[in-house]
Amino acid sequence: MKPHILIPLCIYFTIALAEAQEPPKIIKEENGKITSYRVEGSLASTQTVTCVPLAEAKNTFTPPDLYKGVLDCLAKDNYESAAEMFALAGIYSRFDAERVADKTAGQAKTVLIMNTFANASEEKKAKLNAALSRITSTQNVLGKLCKQVEAVGMPDYYPRYMILHGIKAFTGNANDEAIVKNFNSSAVWKNLQSAYLHCPS
């Protein structure tokens, strides 16, 4: 898949609301001699999202929600919708990485992709790759996708799934000053449409 789509947005509730939240719970898990720790809520999906046309997507869908939709599309062999939802999840996760203050949390986008396709067959991944290639290599198709993404709009959710993936979640209250101060959501959103999706000007 093309790097600018694969590797891997902003109206958020308020910073005051985020700071009022309790420190996240750290969960200890033991598997034989291996002990691991994770923060409750890290990479968590909060809504049930199925395979839908991009026109029916909402800007309250987080990347973890959208990747579930991608998997549902793959299960239904709907690779066009899978590619569109994948692109939306990608630009949303990139937007979140820009606005979250703890930059170690930005790795969430890569881990989400790895987890999403961990059990997908090579055939389905190849067909998704082909669908993404058709979109990115055909200007009018890419232009249509870009208009649909713009219509869905920048994210309207608090990026808790990413904030709780960062190092700060293990060393303090990750919700304290979790969002970059004076974050210019409109400018970042516009820039990502150009630099990430490579939307025609």
N, C-alpha and C. Protein backbone atom coordinates (compact mmCIF):
# COMPACT_ATOMS: atom_id res chain seq x y z
N MET A 1 0.83 -1.19 0.00
CA MET A 1 0.00 0.00 0.00
C MET A 1 0.87 1.25 0.00
N LYS A 2 0.35 2.33 -0.52
CA LYS A 2 1.17 3.52 -0.64
C LYS A 2 1.46 4.12 0.74
N PRO A 3 2.70 4.51 1.01
CA PRO A 3 3.09 4.98 2.33
C PRO A 3 2.24 6.12 2.84
N HIS A 4 1.87 7.07 1.94
CA HIS A 4 1.13 8.21 2.43
C HIS A 4 -0.29 7.85 2.83
N ILE A 5 -0.76 6.68 2.42
CA ILE A 5 -2.07 6.22 2.86
C ILE A 5 -1.91 5.30 4.07
N LEU A 6 -0.88 4.44 4.05
CA LEU A 6 -0.73 3.43 5.09
C LEU A 6 -0.38 4.04 6.45
N ILE A 7 0.63 4.89 6.43
CA ILE A 7 1.13 5.35 7.73
C ILE A 7 0.25 6.52 8.22
N PRO A 8 -0.20 5.48 8.85
CA PRO A 8 -0.90 6.40 9.05
C PRO A 8 0.51 6.57 9.45
N LEU A 9 -8.77 13.94 13.88
CA LEU A 9 -8.29 14.91 13.06
C LEU A 9 -8.78 15.83 13.86
N CYS A 10 -10.12 20.19 14.17
CA CYS A 10 -10.46 19.05 15.10
C CYS A 10 -11.32 19.73 16.07
N ILE A 11 -12.43 19.26 16.16
CA ILE A 11 -13.27 19.83 17.19
C ILE A 11 -13.23 18.84 18.35
N TYR A 12 -12.68 19.22 19.48
CA TYR A 12 -12.65 18.30 20.60
C TYR A 12 -13.46 18.90 21.74
N PHE A 13 -13.78 18.08 22.72
CA PHE A 13 -14.72 18.55 23.73
C PHE A 13 -14.20 19.83 24.37
N THR A 14 -13.24 19.75 25.26
CA THR A 14 -12.48 20.91 25.75
C THR A 14 -11.31 20.37 26.54
N ILE A 15 -10.27 21.16 26.63
CA ILE A 15 -9.12 20.72 27.41
C ILE A 15 -9.52 20.61 28.88
N ALA A 16 -10.40 21.48 29.32
CA ALA A 16 -10.84 21.43 30.71
C ALA A 16 -11.52 20.10 31.01
N LEU A 17 -12.33 19.64 30.08
CA LEU A 17 -13.01 18.36 30.26
C LEU A 17 -11.99 17.23 30.35
N ALA A 18 -10.97 17.29 29.49
CA ALA A 18 -9.95 16.25 29.51
C ALA A 18 -9.21 16.23 30.83
N GLU A 19 -8.87 17.41 31.34
CA GLU A 19 -8.10 17.48 32.57
C GLU A 19 -8.91 17.03 33.77
N ALA A 20 -10.24 17.05 33.66
CA ALA A 20 -11.08 16.64 34.77
C ALA A 20 -11.18 15.12 34.89
N GLN A 21 -10.75 14.41 33.87
CA GLN A 21 -10.84 12.97 33.89
C GLN A 21 -9.82 12.37 34.85
N GLU A 22 -10.18 11.22 35.41
CA GLU A 22 -9.29 10.52 36.33
C GLU A 22 -8.09 9.94 35.58
N PRO A 23 -6.97 9.77 36.28
CA PRO A 23 -5.82 9.11 35.64
C PRO A 23 -6.23 7.73 35.15
N PRO A 24 -5.71 7.29 34.00
CA PRO A 24 -6.10 6.00 33.45
C PRO A 24 -5.61 4.84 34.30
N LYS A 25 -6.30 3.72 34.16
CA LYS A 25 -5.95 2.51 34.91
C LYS A 25 -4.93 1.70 34.13
N ILE A 26 -3.84 1.31 34.81
CA ILE A 26 -2.82 0.48 34.18
C ILE A 26 -3.12 -0.98 34.50
N ILE A 27 -3.20 -1.78 33.45
CA ILE A 27 -3.55 -3.19 33.60
C ILE A 27 -2.32 -4.07 33.41
N LYS A 28 -2.10 -4.95 34.38
CA LYS A 28 -0.98 -5.89 34.31
C LYS A 28 -1.48 -7.22 33.77
N GLU A 29 -0.79 -7.74 32.77
CA GLU A 29 -1.17 -9.01 32.17
C GLU A 29 0.01 -9.96 32.18
N GLU A 30 -0.23 -11.20 32.59
CA GLU A 30 0.83 -12.19 32.65
C GLU A 30 0.51 -13.36 31.73
N ASN A 31 1.48 -13.71 30.90
CA ASN A 31 1.36 -14.84 29.98
C ASN A 31 2.60 -15.70 30.14
N GLY A 32 2.49 -16.73 31.01
CA GLY A 32 3.67 -17.53 31.31
C GLY A 32 4.67 -16.70 32.08
N LYS A 33 5.88 -16.60 31.57
CA LYS A 33 6.93 -15.82 32.23
C LYS A 33 6.97 -14.37 31.76
N ILE A 34 6.07 -14.05 30.85
CA ILE A 34 6.06 -12.69 30.30
C ILE A 34 4.99 -11.85 30.97
N THR A 35 5.41 -10.72 31.49
CA THR A 35 4.48 -9.76 32.11
C THR A 35 4.45 -8.51 31.26
N SER A 36 3.25 -8.06 30.93
CA SER A 36 3.12 -6.84 30.13
C SER A 36 2.12 -5.90 30.79
N TYR A 37 2.21 -4.64 30.42
CA TYR A 37 1.34 -3.62 30.98
C TYR A 37 0.69 -2.84 29.84
N ARG A 38 -0.56 -2.50 30.03
CA ARG A 38 -1.25 -1.65 29.07
C ARG A 38 -2.18 -0.72 29.83
N VAL A 39 -2.50 0.38 29.20
CA VAL A 39 -3.39 1.35 29.81
C VAL A 39 -4.81 1.10 29.32
N GLU A 40 -5.72 1.00 30.25
CA GLU A 40 -7.12 0.75 29.90
C GLU A 40 -7.64 1.87 28.99
N GLY A 41 -8.18 1.50 27.85
CA GLY A 41 -8.70 2.49 26.91
C GLY A 41 -7.77 2.79 25.76
N SER A 42 -6.51 2.36 25.85
CA SER A 42 -5.56 2.58 24.77
C SER A 42 -6.01 1.84 23.52
N LEU A 43 -6.08 2.55 22.40
CA LEU A 43 -6.48 2.00 21.10
C LEU A 43 -7.92 1.47 21.08
N ALA A 44 -8.71 1.84 22.07
CA ALA A 44 -10.05 1.27 22.20
C ALA A 44 -11.06 1.91 21.24
N SER A 45 -11.88 1.05 20.66
CA SER A 45 -13.02 1.51 19.87
C SER A 45 -14.19 1.78 20.82
N THR A 46 -14.97 2.81 20.52
CA THR A 46 -16.10 3.16 21.40
C THR A 46 -17.44 3.05 20.70
N GLN A 47 -17.42 2.83 19.39
CA GLN A 47 -18.66 2.71 18.63
C GLN A 47 -18.59 1.50 17.70
N THR A 48 -19.73 0.93 17.42
CA THR A 48 -19.79 -0.17 16.47
C THR A 48 -19.97 0.41 15.07
N VAL A 49 -18.95 0.25 14.25
CA VAL A 49 -18.97 0.76 12.88
C VAL A 49 -18.87 -0.41 11.91
N THR A 50 -19.81 -0.48 11.00
CA THR A 50 -19.81 -1.54 10.00
C THR A 50 -19.37 -0.98 8.65
N CYS A 51 -19.37 -1.81 7.64
CA CYS A 51 -18.97 -1.39 6.30
C CYS A 51 -20.04 -0.49 5.70
N VAL A 52 -19.72 0.79 5.58
CA VAL A 52 -20.67 1.75 5.02
C VAL A 52 -19.97 2.60 3.96
N PRO A 53 -20.71 3.14 3.01
CA PRO A 53 -20.11 4.08 2.06
C PRO A 53 -19.57 5.29 2.81
N LEU A 54 -18.54 5.90 2.28
CA LEU A 54 -17.93 7.04 2.97
C LEU A 54 -18.94 8.16 3.20
N ALA A 55 -19.91 8.28 2.33
CA ALA A 55 -20.93 9.32 2.47
C ALA A 55 -21.75 9.14 3.75
N GLU A 56 -21.74 7.92 4.31
CA GLU A 56 -22.50 7.65 5.53
C GLU A 56 -21.63 7.67 6.78
N ALA A 57 -20.34 7.92 6.61
CA ALA A 57 -19.44 7.99 7.76
C ALA A 57 -19.70 9.28 8.54
N LYS A 58 -19.34 9.26 9.82
CA LYS A 58 -19.53 10.42 10.68
C LYS A 58 -18.18 10.87 11.24
N ASN A 59 -18.08 12.16 11.53
CA ASN A 59 -16.81 12.65 12.07
C ASN A 59 -16.64 12.37 13.55
N THR A 60 -17.60 11.64 14.13
CA THR A 60 -17.45 11.17 15.50
C THR A 60 -16.84 9.77 15.54
N PHE A 61 -16.63 9.16 14.37
CA PHE A 61 -15.98 7.85 14.30
C PHE A 61 -14.48 8.03 14.52
N THR A 62 -13.92 7.33 15.49
CA THR A 62 -12.48 7.38 15.72
C THR A 62 -11.78 6.38 14.81
N PRO A 63 -10.47 6.48 14.64
CA PRO A 63 -9.75 5.47 13.85
C PRO A 63 -9.99 4.03 14.32
N PRO A 64 -9.99 3.74 15.64
CA PRO A 64 -10.29 2.37 16.05
C PRO A 64 -11.68 1.92 15.58
N ASP A 65 -12.64 2.84 15.58
CA ASP A 65 -13.98 2.52 15.07
C ASP A 65 -13.92 2.24 13.58
N LEU A 66 -13.24 3.11 12.85
CA LEU A 66 -13.18 3.00 11.39
C LEU A 66 -12.46 1.75 10.92
N TYR A 67 -11.41 1.36 11.63
CA TYR A 67 -10.70 0.15 11.23
C TYR A 67 -11.57 -1.10 11.41
N LYS A 68 -12.49 -1.05 12.37
CA LYS A 68 -13.45 -2.15 12.49
C LYS A 68 -14.34 -2.19 11.26
N GLY A 69 -14.70 -1.01 10.77
CA GLY A 69 -15.48 -0.94 9.55
C GLY A 69 -14.72 -1.48 8.35
N VAL A 70 -13.41 -1.19 8.31
CA VAL A 70 -12.57 -1.72 7.24
C VAL A 70 -12.59 -3.24 7.25
N LEU A 71 -12.44 -3.83 8.43
CA LEU A 71 -12.46 -5.29 8.54
C LEU A 71 -13.80 -5.86 8.11
N ASP A 72 -14.88 -5.16 8.45
CA ASP A 72 -16.21 -5.62 8.03
C ASP A 72 -16.33 -5.57 6.51
N CYS A 73 -15.76 -4.54 5.90
CA CYS A 73 -15.77 -4.44 4.44
C CYS A 73 -14.98 -5.59 3.81
N LEU A 74 -13.84 -5.92 4.40
CA LEU A 74 -13.04 -7.02 3.87
C LEU A 74 -13.81 -8.33 3.97
N ALA A 75 -14.50 -8.52 5.08
CA ALA A 75 -15.28 -9.74 5.27
C ALA A 75 -16.38 -9.85 4.22
N LYS A 76 -16.88 -8.69 3.75
CA LYS A 76 -17.95 -8.66 2.76
C LYS A 76 -17.42 -8.50 1.34
N ASP A 77 -16.09 -8.55 1.19
CA ASP A 77 -15.43 -8.37 -0.11
C ASP A 77 -15.80 -7.05 -0.79
N ASN A 78 -16.01 -6.02 0.02
CA ASN A 78 -16.31 -4.69 -0.49
C ASN A 78 -15.04 -3.86 -0.35
N TYR A 79 -14.16 -3.99 -1.33
CA TYR A 79 -12.83 -3.39 -1.22
C TYR A 79 -12.82 -1.89 -1.50
N GLU A 80 -13.78 -1.42 -2.27
CA GLU A 80 -13.86 0.02 -2.53
C GLU A 80 -14.19 0.77 -1.24
N SER A 81 -15.22 0.30 -0.53
CA SER A 81 -15.58 0.94 0.74
C SER A 81 -14.49 0.74 1.78
N ALA A 82 -13.84 -0.42 1.76
CA ALA A 82 -12.74 -0.67 2.68
C ALA A 82 -11.63 0.35 2.48
N ALA A 83 -11.29 0.62 1.22
CA ALA A 83 -10.23 1.57 0.91
C ALA A 83 -10.61 2.98 1.34
N GLU A 84 -11.87 3.35 1.12
CA GLU A 84 -12.32 4.69 1.50
C GLU A 84 -12.29 4.87 3.02
N MET A 85 -12.76 3.86 3.76
CA MET A 85 -12.75 3.95 5.22
C MET A 85 -11.32 3.93 5.75
N PHE A 86 -10.46 3.18 5.07
CA PHE A 86 -9.05 3.12 5.46
C PHE A 86 -8.40 4.49 5.29
N ALA A 87 -8.72 5.16 4.21
CA ALA A 87 -8.16 6.50 3.97
C ALA A 87 -8.65 7.49 5.02
N LEU A 88 -9.94 7.41 5.37
CA LEU A 88 -10.47 8.31 6.40
C LEU A 88 -9.83 8.04 7.75
N ALA A 89 -9.69 6.76 8.10
CA ALA A 89 -9.02 6.40 9.36
C ALA A 89 -7.59 6.92 9.37
N GLY A 90 -6.93 6.85 8.22
CA GLY A 90 -5.55 7.30 8.13
C GLY A 90 -5.39 8.79 8.36
N ILE A 91 -6.24 9.58 7.70
CA ILE A 91 -6.10 11.03 7.86
C ILE A 91 -6.55 11.47 9.26
N TYR A 92 -7.52 10.75 9.83
CA TYR A 92 -7.95 11.06 11.19
C TYR A 92 -6.83 10.76 12.20
N SER A 93 -6.17 9.63 12.03
CA SER A 93 -5.10 9.28 12.97
C SER A 93 -3.91 10.23 12.82
N ARG A 94 -3.64 10.68 11.60
CA ARG A 94 -2.57 11.65 11.40
C ARG A 94 -2.93 12.98 12.07
N PHE A 95 -4.20 13.38 11.95
CA PHE A 95 -4.67 14.61 12.59
C PHE A 95 -4.52 14.49 14.11
N ASP A 96 -4.91 13.34 14.64
CA ASP A 96 -4.81 13.14 16.08
C ASP A 96 -3.36 13.19 16.54
N ALA A 97 -2.45 12.61 15.75
CA ALA A 97 -1.03 12.63 16.10
C ALA A 97 -0.50 14.05 16.15
N GLU A 98 -1.06 14.94 15.33
CA GLU A 98 -0.64 16.34 15.32
C GLU A 98 -1.16 17.07 16.56
N ARG A 99 -2.37 16.74 16.99
CA ARG A 99 -2.96 17.52 18.09
C ARG A 99 -2.66 16.98 19.48
N VAL A 100 -2.26 15.72 19.58
CA VAL A 100 -1.93 15.15 20.89
C VAL A 100 -0.53 15.61 21.31
N ALA A 101 -0.42 16.12 22.51
CA ALA A 101 0.84 16.72 22.97
C ALA A 101 1.95 15.68 23.17
N ASP A 102 1.61 14.50 23.68
CA ASP A 102 2.60 13.45 23.90
C ASP A 102 2.87 12.78 22.56
N LYS A 103 3.98 13.11 21.94
CA LYS A 103 4.26 12.61 20.59
C LYS A 103 4.55 11.11 20.55
N THR A 104 4.86 10.50 21.69
CA THR A 104 5.03 9.05 21.69
C THR A 104 3.68 8.35 21.44
N ALA A 105 2.60 9.05 21.70
CA ALA A 105 1.26 8.48 21.51
C ALA A 105 0.93 8.31 20.03
N GLY A 106 1.61 9.06 19.17
CA GLY A 106 1.34 9.00 17.74
C GLY A 106 1.60 7.64 17.13
N GLN A 107 2.37 6.80 17.83
CA GLN A 107 2.62 5.45 17.34
C GLN A 107 1.34 4.63 17.27
N ALA A 108 0.29 5.12 17.89
CA ALA A 108 -0.99 4.40 17.91
C ALA A 108 -1.47 4.09 16.50
N LYS A 109 -1.23 5.01 15.57
CA LYS A 109 -1.75 4.80 14.21
C LYS A 109 -1.11 3.58 13.55
N THR A 110 0.18 3.39 13.78
CA THR A 110 0.87 2.23 13.21
C THR A 110 0.41 0.93 13.86
N VAL A 111 0.27 0.95 15.18
CA VAL A 111 -0.17 -0.25 15.91
C VAL A 111 -1.59 -0.63 15.51
N LEU A 112 -2.45 0.35 15.32
CA LEU A 112 -3.82 0.07 14.90
C LEU A 112 -3.85 -0.66 13.55
N ILE A 113 -3.02 -0.22 12.63
CA ILE A 113 -2.98 -0.86 11.31
C ILE A 113 -2.46 -2.30 11.44
N MET A 114 -1.41 -2.47 12.23
CA MET A 114 -0.87 -3.81 12.43
C MET A 114 -1.92 -4.74 13.03
N ASN A 115 -2.63 -4.25 14.05
CA ASN A 115 -3.65 -5.06 14.71
C ASN A 115 -4.81 -5.36 13.78
N THR A 116 -5.17 -4.39 12.96
CA THR A 116 -6.31 -4.55 12.05
C THR A 116 -6.09 -5.69 11.07
N PHE A 117 -4.88 -5.75 10.53
CA PHE A 117 -4.62 -6.73 9.46
C PHE A 117 -3.88 -7.98 9.93
N ALA A 118 -3.75 -8.12 11.24
CA ALA A 118 -2.99 -9.26 11.78
C ALA A 118 -3.55 -10.60 11.32
N ASN A 119 -4.87 -10.70 11.23
CA ASN A 119 -5.49 -11.98 10.86
C ASN A 119 -6.14 -11.96 9.49
N ALA A 120 -5.92 -10.88 8.73
CA ALA A 120 -6.49 -10.81 7.38
C ALA A 120 -5.67 -11.65 6.42
N SER A 121 -6.32 -12.29 5.47
CA SER A 121 -5.61 -13.13 4.52
C SER A 121 -4.79 -12.27 3.55
N GLU A 122 -3.75 -12.86 2.99
CA GLU A 122 -2.93 -12.15 2.02
C GLU A 122 -3.75 -11.75 0.80
N GLU A 123 -4.70 -12.56 0.44
CA GLU A 123 -5.55 -12.26 -0.71
C GLU A 123 -6.37 -11.00 -0.46
N LYS A 124 -6.97 -10.91 0.72
CA LYS A 124 -7.80 -9.73 1.02
C LYS A 124 -6.94 -8.47 1.13
N LYS A 125 -5.75 -8.60 1.72
CA LYS A 125 -4.86 -7.44 1.82
C LYS A 125 -4.41 -6.99 0.43
N ALA A 126 -4.18 -7.94 -0.46
CA ALA A 126 -3.77 -7.60 -1.82
C ALA A 126 -4.89 -6.88 -2.56
N LYS A 127 -6.12 -7.32 -2.35
CA LYS A 127 -7.26 -6.68 -3.02
C LYS A 127 -7.51 -5.28 -2.47
N LEU A 128 -7.29 -5.09 -1.17
CA LEU A 128 -7.40 -3.75 -0.59
C LEU A 128 -6.31 -2.86 -1.15
N ASN A 129 -5.10 -3.40 -1.24
CA ASN A 129 -3.98 -2.66 -1.80
C ASN A 129 -4.29 -2.21 -3.22
N ALA A 130 -4.90 -3.10 -4.01
CA ALA A 130 -5.25 -2.77 -5.39
C ALA A 130 -6.29 -1.66 -5.43
N ALA A 131 -7.25 -1.71 -4.51
CA ALA A 131 -8.28 -0.66 -4.46
C ALA A 131 -7.67 0.68 -4.08
N LEU A 132 -6.74 0.68 -3.14
CA LEU A 132 -6.06 1.92 -2.75
C LEU A 132 -5.23 2.47 -3.90
N SER A 133 -4.58 1.58 -4.65
CA SER A 133 -3.77 2.00 -5.79
C SER A 133 -4.63 2.64 -6.87
N ARG A 134 -5.80 2.09 -7.09
CA ARG A 134 -6.72 2.67 -8.09
C ARG A 134 -7.12 4.08 -7.69
N ILE A 135 -7.37 4.27 -6.41
CA ILE A 135 -7.77 5.59 -5.93
C ILE A 135 -6.64 6.59 -6.08
N THR A 136 -5.44 6.22 -5.61
CA THR A 136 -4.34 7.17 -5.59
C THR A 136 -3.74 7.44 -6.96
N SER A 137 -3.97 6.56 -7.91
CA SER A 137 -3.36 6.74 -9.24
C SER A 137 -4.33 7.32 -10.26
N THR A 138 -5.57 7.54 -9.87
CA THR A 138 -6.58 8.07 -10.78
C THR A 138 -7.11 9.39 -10.23
N GLN A 139 -6.76 10.49 -10.88
CA GLN A 139 -7.06 11.81 -10.35
C GLN A 139 -8.54 12.05 -10.08
N ASN A 140 -9.40 11.63 -10.99
CA ASN A 140 -10.83 11.91 -10.78
C ASN A 140 -11.39 11.07 -9.64
N VAL A 141 -10.87 9.84 -9.47
CA VAL A 141 -11.32 8.99 -8.36
C VAL A 141 -10.79 9.55 -7.04
N LEU A 142 -9.53 9.98 -7.04
CA LEU A 142 -8.95 10.59 -5.85
C LEU A 142 -9.69 11.87 -5.49
N GLY A 143 -10.03 12.64 -6.51
CA GLY A 143 -10.77 13.87 -6.28
C GLY A 143 -12.11 13.61 -5.63
N LYS A 144 -12.78 12.55 -6.05
CA LYS A 144 -14.08 12.18 -5.46
C LYS A 144 -13.90 11.80 -4.00
N LEU A 145 -12.85 11.01 -3.71
CA LEU A 145 -12.58 10.61 -2.33
C LEU A 145 -12.32 11.85 -1.47
N CYS A 146 -11.53 12.76 -1.98
CA CYS A 146 -11.19 13.96 -1.23
C CYS A 146 -12.43 14.79 -0.91
N LYS A 147 -13.35 14.90 -1.85
CA LYS A 147 -14.58 15.64 -1.61
C LYS A 147 -15.42 14.96 -0.54
N GLN A 148 -15.43 13.63 -0.56
CA GLN A 148 -16.19 12.89 0.45
C GLN A 148 -15.58 13.06 1.83
N VAL A 149 -14.24 13.01 1.91
CA VAL A 149 -13.56 13.20 3.19
C VAL A 149 -13.82 14.60 3.72
N GLU A 150 -13.77 15.58 2.83
CA GLU A 150 -14.04 16.96 3.24
C GLU A 150 -15.46 17.11 3.74
N ALA A 151 -16.40 16.40 3.11
CA ALA A 151 -17.81 16.46 3.51
C ALA A 151 -18.01 15.82 4.89
N VAL A 152 -17.31 14.73 5.16
CA VAL A 152 -17.39 14.12 6.49
C VAL A 152 -16.87 15.11 7.54
N GLY A 153 -15.76 15.77 7.20
CA GLY A 153 -15.22 16.82 8.04
C GLY A 153 -14.17 16.35 9.02
N MET A 154 -13.51 17.31 9.65
CA MET A 154 -12.48 16.98 10.63
C MET A 154 -13.12 16.32 11.85
N PRO A 155 -12.35 15.55 12.59
CA PRO A 155 -12.90 14.79 13.71
C PRO A 155 -13.60 15.64 14.77
N ASP A 156 -14.65 15.06 15.32
CA ASP A 156 -15.39 15.70 16.41
C ASP A 156 -15.43 14.71 17.57
N TYR A 157 -14.26 14.43 18.13
CA TYR A 157 -14.15 13.52 19.27
C TYR A 157 -12.87 13.84 20.02
N TYR A 158 -12.80 13.40 21.26
CA TYR A 158 -11.59 13.54 22.06
C TYR A 158 -10.73 12.30 21.80
N PRO A 159 -9.47 12.46 21.36
CA PRO A 159 -8.65 11.31 20.94
C PRO A 159 -8.08 10.49 22.09
N ARG A 160 -8.95 10.04 22.95
CA ARG A 160 -8.55 9.27 24.14
C ARG A 160 -7.77 8.01 23.75
N TYR A 161 -8.21 7.35 22.68
CA TYR A 161 -7.57 6.10 22.26
C TYR A 161 -6.07 6.29 22.02
N MET A 162 -5.69 7.48 21.52
CA MET A 162 -4.28 7.76 21.23
C MET A 162 -3.56 8.31 22.45
N ILE A 163 -4.21 9.20 23.17
CA ILE A 163 -3.61 9.80 24.36
C ILE A 163 -3.17 8.72 25.34
N LEU A 164 -4.00 7.69 25.51
CA LEU A 164 -3.70 6.62 26.46
C LEU A 164 -2.68 5.62 25.93
N HIS A 165 -2.21 5.82 24.71
CA HIS A 165 -1.19 4.95 24.14
C HIS A 165 0.21 5.49 24.37
N GLY A 166 0.30 6.73 24.82
CA GLY A 166 1.60 7.37 24.99
C GLY A 166 2.29 7.04 26.31
N ILE A 167 3.55 7.37 26.38
CA ILE A 167 4.35 7.13 27.59
C ILE A 167 3.78 7.86 28.79
N LYS A 168 3.22 9.04 28.57
CA LYS A 168 2.70 9.83 29.69
C LYS A 168 1.59 9.10 30.44
N ALA A 169 0.89 8.20 29.76
CA ALA A 169 -0.18 7.44 30.40
C ALA A 169 0.36 6.53 31.50
N PHE A 170 1.65 6.19 31.41
CA PHE A 170 2.26 5.32 32.41
C PHE A 170 2.97 6.12 33.51
N THR A 171 3.21 7.39 33.26
CA THR A 171 4.02 8.18 34.21
C THR A 171 3.22 9.27 34.92
N GLY A 172 1.98 9.48 34.54
CA GLY A 172 1.16 10.51 35.17
C GLY A 172 -0.23 10.48 34.62
N ASN A 173 -0.95 11.57 34.77
CA ASN A 173 -2.29 11.65 34.21
C ASN A 173 -2.19 12.11 32.77
N ALA A 174 -2.39 11.18 31.85
CA ALA A 174 -2.24 11.49 30.42
C ALA A 174 -3.21 12.55 29.94
N ASN A 175 -4.31 12.75 30.69
CA ASN A 175 -5.31 13.72 30.27
C ASN A 175 -4.92 15.16 30.61
N ASP A 176 -3.89 15.33 31.45
CA ASP A 176 -3.44 16.69 31.77
C ASP A 176 -2.71 17.29 30.57
N GLU A 177 -3.21 18.42 30.09
CA GLU A 177 -2.59 19.12 28.95
C GLU A 177 -2.33 18.15 27.80
N ALA A 178 -3.32 17.33 27.50
CA ALA A 178 -3.17 16.28 26.50
C ALA A 178 -3.17 16.80 25.07
N ILE A 179 -3.80 17.96 24.86
CA ILE A 179 -3.91 18.53 23.52
C ILE A 179 -2.94 19.71 23.37
N VAL A 180 -2.29 19.77 22.23
CA VAL A 180 -1.36 20.87 21.94
C VAL A 180 -2.06 22.21 22.14
N LYS A 181 -1.42 23.11 22.87
CA LYS A 181 -2.00 24.42 23.11
C LYS A 181 -2.09 25.22 21.82
N ASN A 182 -3.18 25.95 21.65
CA ASN A 182 -3.41 26.79 20.48
C ASN A 182 -3.33 26.00 19.19
N PHE A 183 -3.79 24.77 19.23
CA PHE A 183 -3.76 23.92 18.05
C PHE A 183 -4.66 24.49 16.95
N ASN A 184 -4.09 24.68 15.76
CA ASN A 184 -4.83 25.26 14.64
C ASN A 184 -5.47 24.13 13.84
N SER A 185 -6.63 23.70 14.26
CA SER A 185 -7.28 22.53 13.67
C SER A 185 -7.59 22.72 12.19
N SER A 186 -8.09 23.87 11.83
CA SER A 186 -8.46 24.12 10.43
C SER A 186 -7.25 24.05 9.51
N ALA A 187 -6.14 24.66 9.93
CA ALA A 187 -4.93 24.67 9.11
C ALA A 187 -4.36 23.27 8.96
N VAL A 188 -4.33 22.51 10.06
CA VAL A 188 -3.79 21.15 10.01
C VAL A 188 -4.66 20.27 9.14
N TRP A 189 -5.97 20.38 9.28
CA TRP A 189 -6.90 19.59 8.49
C TRP A 189 -6.72 19.87 6.99
N LYS A 190 -6.62 21.13 6.65
CA LYS A 190 -6.43 21.51 5.25
C LYS A 190 -5.10 20.99 4.73
N ASN A 191 -4.05 21.11 5.52
CA ASN A 191 -2.73 20.66 5.10
C ASN A 191 -2.69 19.16 4.88
N LEU A 192 -3.34 18.39 5.75
CA LEU A 192 -3.33 16.94 5.61
C LEU A 192 -4.06 16.47 4.36
N GLN A 193 -5.08 17.19 3.97
CA GLN A 193 -5.78 16.82 2.73
C GLN A 193 -4.83 16.91 1.53
N SER A 194 -3.92 17.87 1.60
CA SER A 194 -2.96 18.05 0.53
C SER A 194 -1.74 17.15 0.71
N ALA A 195 -1.13 17.19 1.90
CA ALA A 195 0.13 16.48 2.12
C ALA A 195 -0.03 14.99 2.37
N TYR A 196 -1.16 14.60 2.95
CA TYR A 196 -1.37 13.18 3.26
C TYR A 196 -2.17 12.46 2.19
N LEU A 197 -3.35 13.00 1.86
CA LEU A 197 -4.18 12.37 0.84
C LEU A 197 -3.75 12.75 -0.57
N HIS A 198 -2.97 13.82 -0.70
CA HIS A 198 -2.55 14.34 -2.00
C HIS A 198 -3.75 14.71 -2.87
N CYS A 199 -4.69 15.40 -2.23
CA CYS A 199 -5.89 15.83 -2.95
C CYS A 199 -5.53 16.83 -4.03
N PRO A 200 -6.17 16.71 -5.19
CA PRO A 200 -5.93 17.67 -6.28
C PRO A 200 -6.30 19.07 -5.82
N SER A 201 -5.51 20.04 -6.21
CA SER A 201 -5.78 21.42 -5.80
C SER A 201 -6.82 22.03 -6.71
